PDB file of N, CA and C in Angstrom:
ATOM      1  N   MET A   1      12.469   7.266  -3.285  1.00  0.00           N
ATOM      2  CA  MET A   1      11.432   6.258  -3.151  1.00  0.00           C
ATOM      3  C   MET A   1      10.745   6.082  -4.493  1.00  0.00           C
ATOM      4  N   GLU A   2      10.506   4.847  -4.826  1.00  0.00           N
ATOM      5  CA  GLU A   2       9.816   4.538  -6.079  1.00  0.00           C
ATOM      6  C   GLU A   2       8.334   4.863  -5.935  1.00  0.00           C
ATOM      7  N   GLN A   3       7.726   5.309  -7.039  1.00  0.00           N
ATOM      8  CA  GLN A   3       6.298   5.615  -7.021  1.00  0.00           C
ATOM      9  C   GLN A   3       5.650   5.033  -8.266  1.00  0.00           C
ATOM     10  N   MET A   4       4.341   4.809  -8.191  1.00  0.00           N
ATOM     11  CA  MET A   4       3.599   4.330  -9.350  1.00  0.00           C
ATOM     12  C   MET A   4       2.170   4.847  -9.275  1.00  0.00           C
ATOM     13  N   THR A   5       1.503   4.837 -10.419  1.00  0.00           N
ATOM     14  CA  THR A   5       0.110   5.255 -10.474  1.00  0.00           C
ATOM     15  C   THR A   5      -0.789   4.074 -10.106  1.00  0.00           C
ATOM     16  N   THR A   6      -2.047   4.366  -9.869  1.00  0.00           N
ATOM     17  CA  THR A   6      -2.994   3.285  -9.570  1.00  0.00           C
ATOM     18  C   THR A   6      -3.191   2.395 -10.798  1.00  0.00           C
ATOM     19  N   ASP A   7      -3.104   2.950 -11.999  1.00  0.00           N
ATOM     20  CA  ASP A   7      -3.198   2.123 -13.209  1.00  0.00           C
ATOM     21  C   ASP A   7      -2.026   1.139 -13.272  1.00  0.00           C
ATOM     22  N   GLN A   8      -0.835   1.618 -12.940  1.00  0.00           N
ATOM     23  CA  GLN A   8       0.334   0.737 -12.917  1.00  0.00           C
ATOM     24  C   GLN A   8       0.184  -0.335 -11.844  1.00  0.00           C
ATOM     25  N   LEU A   9      -0.383   0.038 -10.693  1.00  0.00           N
ATOM     26  CA  LEU A   9      -0.613  -0.940  -9.630  1.00  0.00           C
ATOM     27  C   LEU A   9      -1.585  -2.007 -10.106  1.00  0.00           C
ATOM     28  N   GLU A  10      -2.645  -1.594 -10.778  1.00  0.00           N
ATOM     29  CA  GLU A  10      -3.628  -2.564 -11.261  1.00  0.00           C
ATOM     30  C   GLU A  10      -2.981  -3.552 -12.234  1.00  0.00           C
ATOM     31  N   GLU A  11      -2.119  -3.064 -13.115  1.00  0.00           N
ATOM     32  CA  GLU A  11      -1.394  -3.945 -14.048  1.00  0.00           C
ATOM     33  C   GLU A  11      -0.472  -4.890 -13.289  1.00  0.00           C
ATOM     34  N   THR A  12       0.234  -4.368 -12.297  1.00  0.00           N
ATOM     35  CA  THR A  12       1.152  -5.185 -11.506  1.00  0.00           C
ATOM     36  C   THR A  12       0.400  -6.283 -10.765  1.00  0.00           C
ATOM     37  N   LEU A  13      -0.748  -5.938 -10.166  1.00  0.00           N
ATOM     38  CA  LEU A  13      -1.548  -6.925  -9.435  1.00  0.00           C
ATOM     39  C   LEU A  13      -2.066  -8.025 -10.365  1.00  0.00           C
ATOM     40  N   ALA A  14      -2.357  -7.678 -11.594  1.00  0.00           N
ATOM     41  CA  ALA A  14      -2.865  -8.661 -12.550  1.00  0.00           C
ATOM     42  C   ALA A  14      -1.781  -9.648 -12.969  1.00  0.00           C
ATOM     43  N   GLN A  15      -0.519  -9.232 -12.883  1.00  0.00           N
ATOM     44  CA  GLN A  15       0.580 -10.051 -13.375  1.00  0.00           C
ATOM     45  C   GLN A  15       1.409 -10.726 -12.288  1.00  0.00           C
ATOM     46  N   ASN A  16       1.328 -10.221 -11.050  1.00  0.00           N
ATOM     47  CA  ASN A  16       2.230 -10.691 -10.001  1.00  0.00           C
ATOM     48  C   ASN A  16       1.534 -10.796  -8.651  1.00  0.00           C
ATOM     49  N   THR A  17       2.110 -11.601  -7.790  1.00  0.00           N
ATOM     50  CA  THR A  17       1.720 -11.612  -6.390  1.00  0.00           C
ATOM     51  C   THR A  17       2.676 -10.665  -5.681  1.00  0.00           C
ATOM     52  N   ILE A  18       2.126  -9.624  -5.058  1.00  0.00           N
ATOM     53  CA  ILE A  18       2.960  -8.612  -4.412  1.00  0.00           C
ATOM     54  C   ILE A  18       2.515  -8.414  -2.965  1.00  0.00           C
ATOM     55  N   THR A  19       3.346  -7.736  -2.200  1.00  0.00           N
ATOM     56  CA  THR A  19       2.978  -7.334  -0.848  1.00  0.00           C
ATOM     57  C   THR A  19       2.426  -5.925  -0.941  1.00  0.00           C
ATOM     58  N   LEU A  20       1.102  -5.808  -0.776  1.00  0.00           N
ATOM     59  CA  LEU A  20       0.418  -4.522  -0.836  1.00  0.00           C
ATOM     60  C   LEU A  20      -0.120  -4.211   0.553  1.00  0.00           C
ATOM     61  N   VAL A  21       0.348  -3.110   1.132  1.00  0.00           N
ATOM     62  CA  VAL A  21      -0.042  -2.725   2.478  1.00  0.00           C
ATOM     63  C   VAL A  21      -0.874  -1.446   2.404  1.00  0.00           C
ATOM     64  N   ASP A  22      -2.075  -1.507   2.961  1.00  0.00           N
ATOM     65  CA  ASP A  22      -2.976  -0.358   3.043  1.00  0.00           C
ATOM     66  C   ASP A  22      -2.780   0.273   4.414  1.00  0.00           C
ATOM     67  N   VAL A  23      -2.289   1.514   4.438  1.00  0.00           N
ATOM     68  CA  VAL A  23      -1.931   2.147   5.711  1.00  0.00           C
ATOM     69  C   VAL A  23      -3.026   3.078   6.249  1.00  0.00           C
ATOM     70  N   ARG A  24      -4.226   2.984   5.683  1.00  0.00           N
ATOM     71  CA  ARG A  24      -5.339   3.784   6.214  1.00  0.00           C
ATOM     72  C   ARG A  24      -5.826   3.191   7.530  1.00  0.00           C
ATOM     73  N   ASP A  25      -6.650   3.954   8.234  1.00  0.00           N
ATOM     74  CA  ASP A  25      -7.257   3.464   9.472  1.00  0.00           C
ATOM     75  C   ASP A  25      -8.104   2.236   9.173  1.00  0.00           C
ATOM     76  N   ARG A  26      -8.263   1.385  10.168  1.00  0.00           N
ATOM     77  CA  ARG A  26      -8.974   0.116   9.995  1.00  0.00           C
ATOM     78  C   ARG A  26     -10.393   0.312   9.443  1.00  0.00           C
ATOM     79  N   GLY A  27     -11.106   1.343   9.913  1.00  0.00           N
ATOM     80  CA  GLY A  27     -12.467   1.586   9.444  1.00  0.00           C
ATOM     81  C   GLY A  27     -12.529   1.887   7.956  1.00  0.00           C
ATOM     82  N   ASP A  28     -11.594   2.689   7.471  1.00  0.00           N
ATOM     83  CA  ASP A  28     -11.533   2.994   6.039  1.00  0.00           C
ATOM     84  C   ASP A  28     -11.221   1.738   5.240  1.00  0.00           C
ATOM     85  N   PHE A  29     -10.296   0.930   5.751  1.00  0.00           N
ATOM     86  CA  PHE A  29      -9.937  -0.314   5.088  1.00  0.00           C
ATOM     87  C   PHE A  29     -11.145  -1.241   4.998  1.00  0.00           C
ATOM     88  N   GLU A  30     -11.859  -1.393   6.090  1.00  0.00           N
ATOM     89  CA  GLU A  30     -13.009  -2.300   6.116  1.00  0.00           C
ATOM     90  C   GLU A  30     -14.127  -1.838   5.192  1.00  0.00           C
ATOM     91  N   ALA A  31     -14.258  -0.538   5.013  1.00  0.00           N
ATOM     92  CA  ALA A  31     -15.319  -0.008   4.151  1.00  0.00           C
ATOM     93  C   ALA A  31     -15.053  -0.283   2.671  1.00  0.00           C
ATOM     94  N   ARG A  32     -13.763  -0.241   2.277  1.00  0.00           N
ATOM     95  CA  ARG A  32     -13.430  -0.422   0.862  1.00  0.00           C
ATOM     96  C   ARG A  32     -11.923  -0.574   0.731  1.00  0.00           C
ATOM     97  N   HIS A  33     -11.493  -1.703   0.155  1.00  0.00           N
ATOM     98  CA  HIS A  33     -10.066  -1.899  -0.066  1.00  0.00           C
ATOM     99  C   HIS A  33      -9.832  -2.838  -1.240  1.00  0.00           C
ATOM    100  N   ILE A  34      -8.608  -2.877  -1.691  1.00  0.00           N
ATOM    101  CA  ILE A  34      -8.193  -3.796  -2.747  1.00  0.00           C
ATOM    102  C   ILE A  34      -8.056  -5.172  -2.115  1.00  0.00           C
ATOM    103  N   ALA A  35      -8.618  -6.184  -2.752  1.00  0.00           N
ATOM    104  CA  ALA A  35      -8.685  -7.524  -2.161  1.00  0.00           C
ATOM    105  C   ALA A  35      -7.322  -8.060  -1.727  1.00  0.00           C
ATOM    106  N   GLN A  36      -6.285  -7.787  -2.477  1.00  0.00           N
ATOM    107  CA  GLN A  36      -4.955  -8.324  -2.173  1.00  0.00           C
ATOM    108  C   GLN A  36      -4.246  -7.566  -1.054  1.00  0.00           C
ATOM    109  N   ALA A  37      -4.805  -6.452  -0.616  1.00  0.00           N
ATOM    110  CA  ALA A  37      -4.131  -5.607   0.379  1.00  0.00           C
ATOM    111  C   ALA A  37      -4.276  -6.149   1.791  1.00  0.00           C
ATOM    112  N   GLN A  38      -3.253  -5.924   2.579  1.00  0.00           N
ATOM    113  CA  GLN A  38      -3.322  -6.206   4.006  1.00  0.00           C
ATOM    114  C   GLN A  38      -3.377  -4.872   4.741  1.00  0.00           C
ATOM    115  N   SER A  39      -4.115  -4.840   5.816  1.00  0.00           N
ATOM    116  CA  SER A  39      -4.279  -3.612   6.581  1.00  0.00           C
ATOM    117  C   SER A  39      -3.189  -3.489   7.642  1.00  0.00           C
ATOM    118  N   LEU A  40      -2.507  -2.354   7.625  1.00  0.00           N
ATOM    119  CA  LEU A  40      -1.547  -2.021   8.673  1.00  0.00           C
ATOM    120  C   LEU A  40      -1.503  -0.497   8.751  1.00  0.00           C
ATOM    121  N   PRO A  41      -2.312   0.090   9.639  1.00  0.00           N
ATOM    122  CA  PRO A  41      -2.372   1.553   9.729  1.00  0.00           C
ATOM    123  C   PRO A  41      -0.994   2.177   9.918  1.00  0.00           C
ATOM    124  N   LEU A  42      -0.849   3.404   9.415  1.00  0.00           N
ATOM    125  CA  LEU A  42       0.416   4.117   9.522  1.00  0.00           C
ATOM    126  C   LEU A  42       0.933   4.123  10.953  1.00  0.00           C
ATOM    127  N   SER A  43       0.047   4.266  11.927  1.00  0.00           N
ATOM    128  CA  SER A  43       0.468   4.314  13.330  1.00  0.00           C
ATOM    129  C   SER A  43       1.132   3.020  13.790  1.00  0.00           C
ATOM    130  N   GLN A  44       0.962   1.939  13.016  1.00  0.00           N
ATOM    131  CA  GLN A  44       1.537   0.644  13.384  1.00  0.00           C
ATOM    132  C   GLN A  44       2.583   0.155  12.376  1.00  0.00           C
ATOM    133  N   ILE A  45       2.949   1.001  11.413  1.00  0.00           N
ATOM    134  CA  ILE A  45       3.827   0.554  10.328  1.00  0.00           C
ATOM    135  C   ILE A  45       5.177   0.064  10.841  1.00  0.00           C
ATOM    136  N   ASP A  46       5.610   0.562  11.989  1.00  0.00           N
ATOM    137  CA  ASP A  46       6.897   0.114  12.534  1.00  0.00           C
ATOM    138  C   ASP A  46       6.867  -1.342  12.981  1.00  0.00           C
ATOM    139  N   THR A  47       5.679  -1.971  13.002  1.00  0.00           N
ATOM    140  CA  THR A  47       5.583  -3.396  13.358  1.00  0.00           C
ATOM    141  C   THR A  47       5.644  -4.292  12.119  1.00  0.00           C
ATOM    142  N   PHE A  48       5.716  -3.701  10.924  1.00  0.00           N
ATOM    143  CA  PHE A  48       5.748  -4.498   9.698  1.00  0.00           C
ATOM    144  C   PHE A  48       6.956  -5.413   9.709  1.00  0.00           C
ATOM    145  N   ASP A  49       6.726  -6.668   9.355  1.00  0.00           N
ATOM    146  CA  ASP A  49       7.795  -7.664   9.355  1.00  0.00           C
ATOM    147  C   ASP A  49       7.659  -8.500   8.090  1.00  0.00           C
ATOM    148  N   GLY A  50       8.215  -7.981   6.998  1.00  0.00           N
ATOM    149  CA  GLY A  50       8.126  -8.682   5.722  1.00  0.00           C
ATOM    150  C   GLY A  50       9.497  -9.087   5.228  1.00  0.00           C
ATOM    151  N   ASP A  51       9.503  -9.639   4.030  1.00  0.00           N
ATOM    152  CA  ASP A  51      10.729 -10.075   3.379  1.00  0.00           C
ATOM    153  C   ASP A  51      11.418  -8.854   2.772  1.00  0.00           C
ATOM    154  N   GLN A  52      12.593  -8.523   3.253  1.00  0.00           N
ATOM    155  CA  GLN A  52      13.294  -7.344   2.760  1.00  0.00           C
ATOM    156  C   GLN A  52      13.813  -7.511   1.334  1.00  0.00           C
ATOM    157  N   ALA A  53      13.758  -8.715   0.805  1.00  0.00           N
ATOM    158  CA  ALA A  53      14.175  -8.943  -0.575  1.00  0.00           C
ATOM    159  C   ALA A  53      13.054  -8.596  -1.564  1.00  0.00           C
ATOM    160  N   GLU A  54      11.834  -8.402  -1.062  1.00  0.00           N
ATOM    161  CA  GLU A  54      10.694  -8.076  -1.917  1.00  0.00           C
ATOM    162  C   GLU A  54      10.259  -6.639  -1.698  1.00  0.00           C
ATOM    163  N   LYS A  55       9.780  -6.012  -2.771  1.00  0.00           N
ATOM    164  CA  LYS A  55       9.260  -4.654  -2.648  1.00  0.00           C
ATOM    165  C   LYS A  55       7.953  -4.666  -1.860  1.00  0.00           C
ATOM    166  N   VAL A  56       7.742  -3.587  -1.123  1.00  0.00           N
ATOM    167  CA  VAL A  56       6.503  -3.394  -0.373  1.00  0.00           C
ATOM    168  C   VAL A  56       5.760  -2.240  -1.042  1.00  0.00           C
ATOM    169  N   TYR A  57       4.559  -2.531  -1.525  1.00  0.00           N
ATOM    170  CA  TYR A  57       3.724  -1.525  -2.172  1.00  0.00           C
ATOM    171  C   TYR A  57       2.805  -0.941  -1.106  1.00  0.00           C
ATOM    172  N   LEU A  58       2.720   0.387  -1.066  1.00  0.00           N
ATOM    173  CA  LEU A  58       1.970   1.061  -0.009  1.00  0.00           C
ATOM    174  C   LEU A  58       0.896   1.959  -0.603  1.00  0.00           C
ATOM    175  N   ILE A  59      -0.318   1.857  -0.029  1.00  0.00           N
ATOM    176  CA  ILE A  59      -1.434   2.669  -0.503  1.00  0.00           C
ATOM    177  C   ILE A  59      -2.187   3.236   0.697  1.00  0.00           C
ATOM    178  N   CYS A  60      -2.760   4.420   0.513  1.00  0.00           N
ATOM    179  CA  CYS A  60      -3.607   5.049   1.528  1.00  0.00           C
ATOM    180  C   CYS A  60      -4.747   5.748   0.797  1.00  0.00           C
ATOM    181  N   THR A  61      -5.267   6.799   1.354  1.00  0.00           N
ATOM    182  CA  THR A  61      -6.359   7.517   0.702  1.00  0.00           C
ATOM    183  C   THR A  61      -5.866   8.340  -0.482  1.00  0.00           C
ATOM    184  N   SER A  62      -4.792   9.117  -0.273  1.00  0.00           N
ATOM    185  CA  SER A  62      -4.344  10.036  -1.318  1.00  0.00           C
ATOM    186  C   SER A  62      -2.872   9.901  -1.701  1.00  0.00           C
ATOM    187  N   GLY A  63      -2.104   9.198  -0.929  1.00  0.00           N
ATOM    188  CA  GLY A  63      -0.675   9.049  -1.189  1.00  0.00           C
ATOM    189  C   GLY A  63       0.213   9.683  -0.138  1.00  0.00           C
ATOM    190  N   ASN A  64      -0.368  10.471   0.769  1.00  0.00           N
ATOM    191  CA  ASN A  64       0.449  11.134   1.796  1.00  0.00           C
ATOM    192  C   ASN A  64       0.905  10.182   2.895  1.00  0.00           C
ATOM    193  N   ARG A  65      -0.029   9.435   3.471  1.00  0.00           N
ATOM    194  CA  ARG A  65       0.349   8.500   4.544  1.00  0.00           C
ATOM    195  C   ARG A  65       1.210   7.365   4.005  1.00  0.00           C
ATOM    196  N   SER A  66       0.918   6.930   2.791  1.00  0.00           N
ATOM    197  CA  SER A  66       1.735   5.850   2.222  1.00  0.00           C
ATOM    198  C   SER A  66       3.153   6.337   1.967  1.00  0.00           C
ATOM    199  N   ARG A  67       3.318   7.603   1.598  1.00  0.00           N
ATOM    200  CA  ARG A  67       4.665   8.162   1.429  1.00  0.00           C
ATOM    201  C   ARG A  67       5.399   8.183   2.766  1.00  0.00           C
ATOM    202  N   GLN A  68       4.698   8.551   3.839  1.00  0.00           N
ATOM    203  CA  GLN A  68       5.300   8.543   5.176  1.00  0.00           C
ATOM    204  C   GLN A  68       5.684   7.116   5.577  1.00  0.00           C
ATOM    205  N   ALA A  69       4.792   6.166   5.311  1.00  0.00           N
ATOM    206  CA  ALA A  69       5.069   4.766   5.639  1.00  0.00           C
ATOM    207  C   ALA A  69       6.277   4.257   4.857  1.00  0.00           C
ATOM    208  N   ALA A  70       6.375   4.655   3.584  1.00  0.00           N
ATOM    209  CA  ALA A  70       7.511   4.242   2.761  1.00  0.00           C
ATOM    210  C   ALA A  70       8.819   4.743   3.361  1.00  0.00           C
ATOM    211  N   ALA A  71       8.835   5.988   3.816  1.00  0.00           N
ATOM    212  CA  ALA A  71      10.052   6.545   4.414  1.00  0.00           C
ATOM    213  C   ALA A  71      10.453   5.768   5.664  1.00  0.00           C
ATOM    214  N   ILE A  72       9.473   5.411   6.477  1.00  0.00           N
ATOM    215  CA  ILE A  72       9.756   4.642   7.702  1.00  0.00           C
ATOM    216  C   ILE A  72      10.310   3.266   7.343  1.00  0.00           C
ATOM    217  N   LEU A  73       9.676   2.595   6.380  1.00  0.00           N
ATOM    218  CA  LEU A  73      10.138   1.252   6.007  1.00  0.00           C
ATOM    219  C   LEU A  73      11.488   1.293   5.306  1.00  0.00           C
ATOM    220  N   GLU A  74      11.723   2.313   4.485  1.00  0.00           N
ATOM    221  CA  GLU A  74      13.023   2.416   3.823  1.00  0.00           C
ATOM    222  C   GLU A  74      14.141   2.609   4.839  1.00  0.00           C
ATOM    223  N   ALA A  75      13.860   3.335   5.905  1.00  0.00           N
ATOM    224  CA  ALA A  75      14.858   3.529   6.963  1.00  0.00           C
ATOM    225  C   ALA A  75      15.181   2.211   7.654  1.00  0.00           C
ATOM    226  N   ARG A  76      14.257   1.252   7.562  1.00  0.00           N
ATOM    227  CA  ARG A  76      14.468  -0.071   8.151  1.00  0.00           C
ATOM    228  C   ARG A  76      14.996  -1.073   7.137  1.00  0.00           C
ATOM    229  N   GLY A  77      15.312  -0.616   5.922  1.00  0.00           N
ATOM    230  CA  GLY A  77      15.940  -1.480   4.934  1.00  0.00           C
ATOM    231  C   GLY A  77      15.018  -2.082   3.888  1.00  0.00           C
ATOM    232  N   TYR A  78      13.753  -1.694   3.866  1.00  0.00           N
ATOM    233  CA  TYR A  78      12.813  -2.225   2.869  1.00  0.00           C
ATOM    234  C   TYR A  78      12.863  -1.403   1.586  1.00  0.00           C
ATOM    235  N   GLN A  79      12.554  -2.069   0.471  1.00  0.00           N
ATOM    236  CA  GLN A  79      12.358  -1.400  -0.809  1.00  0.00           C
ATOM    237  C   GLN A  79      10.863  -1.125  -0.923  1.00  0.00           C
ATOM    238  N   THR A  80      10.493   0.123  -1.171  1.00  0.00           N
ATOM    239  CA  THR A  80       9.080   0.469  -1.168  1.00  0.00           C
ATOM    240  C   THR A  80       8.638   1.097  -2.483  1.00  0.00           C
ATOM    241  N   VAL A  81       7.320   1.016  -2.705  1.00  0.00           N
ATOM    242  CA  VAL A  81       6.692   1.688  -3.840  1.00  0.00           C
ATOM    243  C   VAL A  81       5.456   2.397  -3.304  1.00  0.00           C
ATOM    244  N   ASN A  82       5.416   3.715  -3.462  1.00  0.00           N
ATOM    245  CA  ASN A  82       4.283   4.512  -3.023  1.00  0.00           C
ATOM    246  C   ASN A  82       3.289   4.629  -4.183  1.00  0.00           C
ATOM    247  N   VAL A  83       2.004   4.344  -3.907  1.00  0.00           N
ATOM    248  CA  VAL A  83       0.966   4.438  -4.934  1.00  0.00           C
ATOM    249  C   VAL A  83       0.393   5.850  -4.920  1.00  0.00           C
ATOM    250  N   LEU A  84       0.647   6.590  -5.993  1.00  0.00           N
ATOM    251  CA  LEU A  84       0.220   7.982  -6.108  1.00  0.00           C
ATOM    252  C   LEU A  84      -1.296   8.100  -6.217  1.00  0.00           C
ATOM    253  N   GLY A  85      -1.876   9.024  -5.468  1.00  0.00           N
ATOM    254  CA  GLY A  85      -3.321   9.258  -5.531  1.00  0.00           C
ATOM    255  C   GLY A  85      -4.143   8.324  -4.687  1.00  0.00           C
ATOM    256  N   GLY A  86      -3.577   7.179  -4.320  1.00  0.00           N
ATOM    257  CA  GLY A  86      -4.222   6.230  -3.418  1.00  0.00           C
ATOM    258  C   GLY A  86      -5.621   5.798  -3.827  1.00  0.00           C
ATOM    259  N   MET A  87      -6.404   5.479  -2.818  1.00  0.00           N
ATOM    260  CA  MET A  87      -7.760   4.975  -3.052  1.00  0.00           C
ATOM    261  C   MET A  87      -8.678   6.049  -3.639  1.00  0.00           C
ATOM    262  N   ASN A  88      -8.294   7.325  -3.526  1.00  0.00           N
ATOM    263  CA  ASN A  88      -9.084   8.388  -4.129  1.00  0.00           C
ATOM    264  C   ASN A  88      -9.199   8.239  -5.643  1.00  0.00           C
ATOM    265  N   VAL A  89      -8.159   7.690  -6.265  1.00  0.00           N
ATOM    266  CA  VAL A  89      -8.157   7.558  -7.723  1.00  0.00           C
ATOM    267  C   VAL A  89      -8.177   6.099  -8.201  1.00  0.00           C
ATOM    268  N   TRP A  90      -8.202   5.153  -7.281  1.00  0.00           N
ATOM    269  CA  TRP A  90      -8.264   3.734  -7.642  1.00  0.00           C
ATOM    270  C   TRP A  90      -9.606   3.443  -8.313  1.00  0.00           C
ATOM    271  N   THR A  91      -9.584   2.860  -9.512  1.00  0.00           N
ATOM    272  CA  THR A  91     -10.823   2.545 -10.221  1.00  0.00           C
ATOM    273  C   THR A  91     -11.030   1.041 -10.377  1.00  0.00           C
ATOM    274  N   GLY A  92     -10.077   0.253  -9.869  1.00  0.00           N
ATOM    275  CA  GLY A  92     -10.196  -1.194  -9.958  1.00  0.00           C
ATOM    276  C   GLY A  92     -11.186  -1.736  -8.945  1.00  0.00           C
ATOM    277  N   GLU A  93     -11.300  -3.047  -8.925  1.00  0.00           N
ATOM    278  CA  GLU A  93     -12.231  -3.708  -8.012  1.00  0.00           C
ATOM    279  C   GLU A  93     -11.816  -3.508  -6.566  1.00  0.00           C
ATOM    280  N   THR A  94     -12.827  -3.445  -5.707  1.00  0.00           N
ATOM    281  CA  THR A  94     -12.591  -3.362  -4.262  1.00  0.00           C
ATOM    282  C   THR A  94     -13.532  -4.318  -3.555  1.00  0.00           C
ATOM    283  N   VAL A  95     -13.214  -4.582  -2.308  1.00  0.00           N
ATOM    284  CA  VAL A  95     -14.057  -5.408  -1.441  1.00  0.00           C
ATOM    285  C   VAL A  95     -14.263  -4.669  -0.125  1.00  0.00           C
ATOM    286  N   ALA A  96     -15.250  -5.116   0.625  1.00  0.00           N
ATOM    287  CA  ALA A  96     -15.520  -4.559   1.947  1.00  0.00           C
ATOM    288  C   ALA A  96     -15.597  -5.699   2.936  1.00  0.00           C
ATOM    289  N   GLU A  97     -15.357  -5.412   4.191  1.00  0.00           N
ATOM    290  CA  GLU A  97     -15.440  -6.450   5.230  1.00  0.00           C
ATOM    291  C   GLU A  97     -16.635  -6.195   6.109  1.00  0.00           C
TER     292      GLU A  97
END
């Protein structure tokens, strides 16, 4: 599975439109998340229905749940990128709902 740092994610977001999935619980997502991210908790990751030709970037609190989500999606044929350190080390802009 491909991995990247939060700094690399911030650079990628500045240059490209990507599919970024936040797999934390809804409450954590609503409290603070990256604006471009869509919420899909790990418990629901098997319902993800995206374009298999595009990479799916996954983020959580620390990188553990996103790694699990990546494994599930890769088994379904998706190309994934796990964001190391997750929101714990993200220093870019965030929004709340």
